[in-house]
Amino acid sequence: LLGLTPAEGGGPRLASLSQAVRLPRHVGLLLTELRAFAEDTLGAGDGAAGGPGGVSDRRLGQCARILRVSAATHGRTSVGAADCLLLPWLIWDDPEHLPLLQEFVRERCVPGTAEEAGSFRDLALSALKDLESEMRALARSPEFA
């Protein structure tokens, strides 16, 4: 991880780094497919309105920004499959939907066996915890008070 501290201007620097991260076309397509899956499978109403199971345009934009922050935090210049494994955690509204969303994303991002998928899941959870810790530290910094 980058190890950005608030004293070093971690918030502004991370924001700048994440804006420079490329969101590949296939990740954009994954976001679109994930929205359709959530709306069709999870019983959404109007997805643009973000109804039950729906994914609003605003939420998709937030997901794209978080994927960029994840990649930047890990020193990458492009969003990758490991970053995309965060998507189910960003999309679900109902705890029962989480396993379905995880399976959907894993099938598209993780090649190989179920064991490999489990290790990627663990990696993604670890990355999410690291990101949450860094975001909490930034939120407590005097710059953001």
C-alpha atoms as a PDB file:
ATOM      1  CA  LEU A   1       0.000   0.000   0.000  1.00  0.00           C
ATOM      2  CA  LEU A   2       1.071   3.558  -0.540  1.00  0.00           C
ATOM      3  CA  GLY A   3       1.321   4.365   3.170  1.00  0.00           C
ATOM      4  CA  LEU A   4       0.018   7.897   2.752  1.00  0.00           C
ATOM      5  CA  THR A   5      -0.258   9.815   6.004  1.00  0.00           C
ATOM      6  CA  PRO A   6      -2.418  12.880   6.672  1.00  0.00           C
ATOM      7  CA  ALA A   7       0.734  14.886   7.460  1.00  0.00           C
ATOM      8  CA  GLU A   8       1.986  14.152   3.946  1.00  0.00           C
ATOM      9  CA  GLY A   9      -1.251  15.373   2.418  1.00  0.00           C
ATOM     10  CA  GLY A  10      -2.567  11.807   2.057  1.00  0.00           C
ATOM     11  CA  GLY A  11      -6.142  12.832   1.223  1.00  0.00           C
ATOM     12  CA  PRO A  12      -5.364  15.259  -1.604  1.00  0.00           C
ATOM     13  CA  ARG A  13      -2.530  13.084  -2.881  1.00  0.00           C
ATOM     14  CA  LEU A  14      -4.715   9.964  -2.929  1.00  0.00           C
ATOM     15  CA  ALA A  15      -7.495  11.885  -4.665  1.00  0.00           C
ATOM     16  CA  SER A  16      -5.015  13.057  -7.289  1.00  0.00           C
ATOM     17  CA  LEU A  17      -3.550   9.571  -7.752  1.00  0.00           C
ATOM     18  CA  SER A  18      -6.969   7.932  -8.028  1.00  0.00           C
ATOM     19  CA  GLN A  19      -8.081  10.399 -10.721  1.00  0.00           C
ATOM     20  CA  ALA A  20      -5.112   9.289 -12.812  1.00  0.00           C
ATOM     21  CA  VAL A  21      -6.090   5.597 -12.539  1.00  0.00           C
ATOM     22  CA  ARG A  22      -7.515   4.173 -15.746  1.00  0.00           C
ATOM     23  CA  LEU A  23     -10.893   2.419 -15.673  1.00  0.00           C
ATOM     24  CA  PRO A  24     -10.594  -0.155 -18.489  1.00  0.00           C
ATOM     25  CA  ARG A  25     -13.496  -0.684 -20.858  1.00  0.00           C
ATOM     26  CA  HIS A  26     -14.092  -4.221 -19.556  1.00  0.00           C
ATOM     27  CA  VAL A  27     -14.566  -2.840 -16.025  1.00  0.00           C
ATOM     28  CA  GLY A  28     -17.152  -0.376 -17.333  1.00  0.00           C
ATOM     29  CA  LEU A  29     -18.915  -3.268 -19.041  1.00  0.00           C
ATOM     30  CA  LEU A  30     -18.789  -5.266 -15.802  1.00  0.00           C
ATOM     31  CA  LEU A  31     -20.471  -2.378 -13.967  1.00  0.00           C
ATOM     32  CA  THR A  32     -23.192  -2.281 -16.642  1.00  0.00           C
ATOM     33  CA  GLU A  33     -23.687  -6.063 -16.476  1.00  0.00           C
ATOM     34  CA  LEU A  34     -23.755  -5.951 -12.685  1.00  0.00           C
ATOM     35  CA  ARG A  35     -26.486  -3.294 -12.768  1.00  0.00           C
ATOM     36  CA  ALA A  36     -28.571  -5.397 -15.176  1.00  0.00           C
ATOM     37  CA  PHE A  37     -28.020  -8.516 -13.050  1.00  0.00           C
ATOM     38  CA  ALA A  38     -29.088  -6.693  -9.883  1.00  0.00           C
ATOM     39  CA  GLU A  39     -32.183  -5.306 -11.560  1.00  0.00           C
ATOM     40  CA  ASP A  40     -33.203  -8.545 -13.276  1.00  0.00           C
ATOM     41  CA  THR A  41     -32.250 -11.108 -10.648  1.00  0.00           C
ATOM     42  CA  LEU A  42     -32.725  -9.192  -7.426  1.00  0.00           C
ATOM     43  CA  GLY A  43     -36.114  -7.797  -8.412  1.00  0.00           C
ATOM     44  CA  ALA A  44     -35.351  -4.138  -8.909  1.00  0.00           C
ATOM     45  CA  GLY A  45     -37.852  -1.572  -9.934  1.00  0.00           C
ATOM     46  CA  ASP A  46     -36.519   1.334 -11.959  1.00  0.00           C
ATOM     47  CA  GLY A  47     -32.725   1.009 -11.725  1.00  0.00           C
ATOM     48  CA  ALA A  48     -32.205   4.695 -12.480  1.00  0.00           C
ATOM     49  CA  ALA A  49     -34.229   5.456  -9.375  1.00  0.00           C
ATOM     50  CA  GLY A  50     -32.181   2.999  -7.334  1.00  0.00           C
ATOM     51  CA  GLY A  51     -35.194   0.977  -6.210  1.00  0.00           C
ATOM     52  CA  PRO A  52     -34.933  -2.316  -4.325  1.00  0.00           C
ATOM     53  CA  GLY A  53     -32.149  -4.264  -5.981  1.00  0.00           C
ATOM     54  CA  GLY A  54     -31.564  -1.384  -8.380  1.00  0.00           C
ATOM     55  CA  VAL A  55     -28.272   0.363  -8.940  1.00  0.00           C
ATOM     56  CA  SER A  56     -28.493   4.087  -9.595  1.00  0.00           C
ATOM     57  CA  ASP A  57     -26.202   6.042 -11.889  1.00  0.00           C
ATOM     58  CA  ARG A  58     -24.855   7.783  -8.800  1.00  0.00           C
ATOM     59  CA  ARG A  59     -23.983   4.495  -7.118  1.00  0.00           C
ATOM     60  CA  LEU A  60     -22.242   3.230 -10.274  1.00  0.00           C
ATOM     61  CA  GLY A  61     -20.180   6.429 -10.328  1.00  0.00           C
ATOM     62  CA  GLN A  62     -19.270   5.955  -6.673  1.00  0.00           C
ATOM     63  CA  CYS A  63     -18.267   2.359  -7.395  1.00  0.00           C
ATOM     64  CA  ALA A  64     -15.996   3.499 -10.231  1.00  0.00           C
ATOM     65  CA  ARG A  65     -14.352   6.065  -7.924  1.00  0.00           C
ATOM     66  CA  ILE A  66     -13.825   3.489  -5.170  1.00  0.00           C
ATOM     67  CA  LEU A  67     -12.305   1.037  -7.665  1.00  0.00           C
ATOM     68  CA  ARG A  68      -9.892   3.779  -8.756  1.00  0.00           C
ATOM     69  CA  VAL A  69      -8.995   4.566  -5.136  1.00  0.00           C
ATOM     70  CA  SER A  70      -8.383   0.863  -4.485  1.00  0.00           C
ATOM     71  CA  ALA A  71      -6.050   0.611  -7.471  1.00  0.00           C
ATOM     72  CA  ALA A  72      -4.240   3.853  -6.540  1.00  0.00           C
ATOM     73  CA  THR A  73      -3.881   2.724  -2.924  1.00  0.00           C
ATOM     74  CA  HIS A  74      -2.193  -0.431  -4.157  1.00  0.00           C
ATOM     75  CA  GLY A  75       0.120   1.492  -6.486  1.00  0.00           C
ATOM     76  CA  ARG A  76      -1.563   0.514  -9.752  1.00  0.00           C
ATOM     77  CA  THR A  77      -2.392   2.795 -12.680  1.00  0.00           C
ATOM     78  CA  SER A  78      -5.370   0.763 -13.872  1.00  0.00           C
ATOM     79  CA  VAL A  79      -8.328  -0.893 -12.149  1.00  0.00           C
ATOM     80  CA  GLY A  80      -7.902  -4.688 -12.139  1.00  0.00           C
ATOM     81  CA  ALA A  81      -9.776  -7.844 -11.225  1.00  0.00           C
ATOM     82  CA  ALA A  82      -8.740  -7.683  -7.568  1.00  0.00           C
ATOM     83  CA  ASP A  83     -10.311  -4.220  -7.299  1.00  0.00           C
ATOM     84  CA  CYS A  84     -13.503  -5.451  -8.958  1.00  0.00           C
ATOM     85  CA  LEU A  85     -13.931  -8.059  -6.230  1.00  0.00           C
ATOM     86  CA  LEU A  86     -14.964  -5.158  -3.996  1.00  0.00           C
ATOM     87  CA  LEU A  87     -18.078  -4.543  -6.127  1.00  0.00           C
ATOM     88  CA  PRO A  88     -20.502  -6.907  -4.360  1.00  0.00           C
ATOM     89  CA  TRP A  89     -19.753  -5.126  -1.079  1.00  0.00           C
ATOM     90  CA  LEU A  90     -20.503  -1.785  -2.728  1.00  0.00           C
ATOM     91  CA  ILE A  91     -23.738  -2.865  -4.441  1.00  0.00           C
ATOM     92  CA  TRP A  92     -25.753  -5.006  -2.031  1.00  0.00           C
ATOM     93  CA  ASP A  93     -28.728  -3.604  -0.129  1.00  0.00           C
ATOM     94  CA  ASP A  94     -30.076  -6.854   1.286  1.00  0.00           C
ATOM     95  CA  PRO A  95     -27.703  -9.330   3.004  1.00  0.00           C
ATOM     96  CA  GLU A  96     -29.355 -12.169   1.073  1.00  0.00           C
ATOM     97  CA  HIS A  97     -28.176 -10.574  -2.195  1.00  0.00           C
ATOM     98  CA  LEU A  98     -24.494 -10.528  -1.270  1.00  0.00           C
ATOM     99  CA  PRO A  99     -23.712 -14.185  -2.156  1.00  0.00           C
ATOM    100  CA  LEU A 100     -25.444 -13.802  -5.537  1.00  0.00           C
ATOM    101  CA  LEU A 101     -23.513 -10.637  -6.314  1.00  0.00           C
ATOM    102  CA  GLN A 102     -20.243 -12.223  -5.182  1.00  0.00           C
ATOM    103  CA  GLU A 103     -20.810 -15.215  -7.445  1.00  0.00           C
ATOM    104  CA  PHE A 104     -21.678 -12.964 -10.387  1.00  0.00           C
ATOM    105  CA  VAL A 105     -18.508 -10.889 -10.013  1.00  0.00           C
ATOM    106  CA  ARG A 106     -16.257 -13.881  -9.265  1.00  0.00           C
ATOM    107  CA  GLU A 107     -17.426 -15.685 -12.409  1.00  0.00           C
ATOM    108  CA  ARG A 108     -16.346 -12.689 -14.463  1.00  0.00           C
ATOM    109  CA  CYS A 109     -13.139 -11.727 -12.642  1.00  0.00           C
ATOM    110  CA  VAL A 110     -11.606 -14.891 -11.214  1.00  0.00           C
ATOM    111  CA  PRO A 111     -10.355 -17.601 -13.531  1.00  0.00           C
ATOM    112  CA  GLY A 112     -10.011 -21.125 -12.239  1.00  0.00           C
ATOM    113  CA  THR A 113     -11.353 -23.136  -9.377  1.00  0.00           C
ATOM    114  CA  ALA A 114     -13.456 -22.358  -6.322  1.00  0.00           C
ATOM    115  CA  GLU A 115     -10.340 -22.579  -4.133  1.00  0.00           C
ATOM    116  CA  GLU A 116      -8.685 -19.842  -6.195  1.00  0.00           C
ATOM    117  CA  ALA A 117     -11.860 -17.775  -5.911  1.00  0.00           C
ATOM    118  CA  GLY A 118     -11.748 -18.125  -2.123  1.00  0.00           C
ATOM    119  CA  SER A 119      -8.171 -16.876  -1.975  1.00  0.00           C
ATOM    120  CA  PHE A 120      -9.061 -13.918  -4.228  1.00  0.00           C
ATOM    121  CA  ARG A 121     -12.012 -13.188  -1.940  1.00  0.00           C
ATOM    122  CA  ASP A 122      -9.692 -13.169   1.061  1.00  0.00           C
ATOM    123  CA  LEU A 123      -7.325 -10.858  -0.811  1.00  0.00           C
ATOM    124  CA  ALA A 124     -10.188  -8.516  -1.684  1.00  0.00           C
ATOM    125  CA  LEU A 125     -11.437  -8.474   1.911  1.00  0.00           C
ATOM    126  CA  SER A 126      -7.938  -7.669   3.113  1.00  0.00           C
ATOM    127  CA  ALA A 127      -7.661  -4.851   0.568  1.00  0.00           C
ATOM    128  CA  LEU A 128     -11.058  -3.506   1.655  1.00  0.00           C
ATOM    129  CA  LYS A 129     -10.032  -3.516   5.330  1.00  0.00           C
ATOM    130  CA  ASP A 130      -6.795  -1.707   4.490  1.00  0.00           C
ATOM    131  CA  LEU A 131      -8.707   0.861   2.455  1.00  0.00           C
ATOM    132  CA  GLU A 132     -11.247   1.379   5.249  1.00  0.00           C
ATOM    133  CA  SER A 133      -8.430   1.900   7.773  1.00  0.00           C
ATOM    134  CA  GLU A 134      -6.738   4.477   5.570  1.00  0.00           C
ATOM    135  CA  MET A 135     -10.022   6.279   4.926  1.00  0.00           C
ATOM    136  CA  ARG A 136     -10.787   6.410   8.674  1.00  0.00           C
ATOM    137  CA  ALA A 137      -7.314   7.800   9.344  1.00  0.00           C
ATOM    138  CA  LEU A 138      -7.814  10.458   6.683  1.00  0.00           C
ATOM    139  CA  ALA A 139     -11.240  11.352   8.086  1.00  0.00           C
ATOM    140  CA  ARG A 140      -9.675  11.906  11.533  1.00  0.00           C
ATOM    141  CA  SER A 141      -6.923  14.105  10.150  1.00  0.00           C
ATOM    142  CA  PRO A 142      -7.068  17.858  10.876  1.00  0.00           C
ATOM    143  CA  GLU A 143      -7.256  18.584   7.130  1.00  0.00           C
ATOM    144  CA  PHE A 144     -10.718  17.017   6.923  1.00  0.00           C
ATOM    145  CA  ALA A 145     -12.117  18.203  10.259  1.00  0.00           C
END
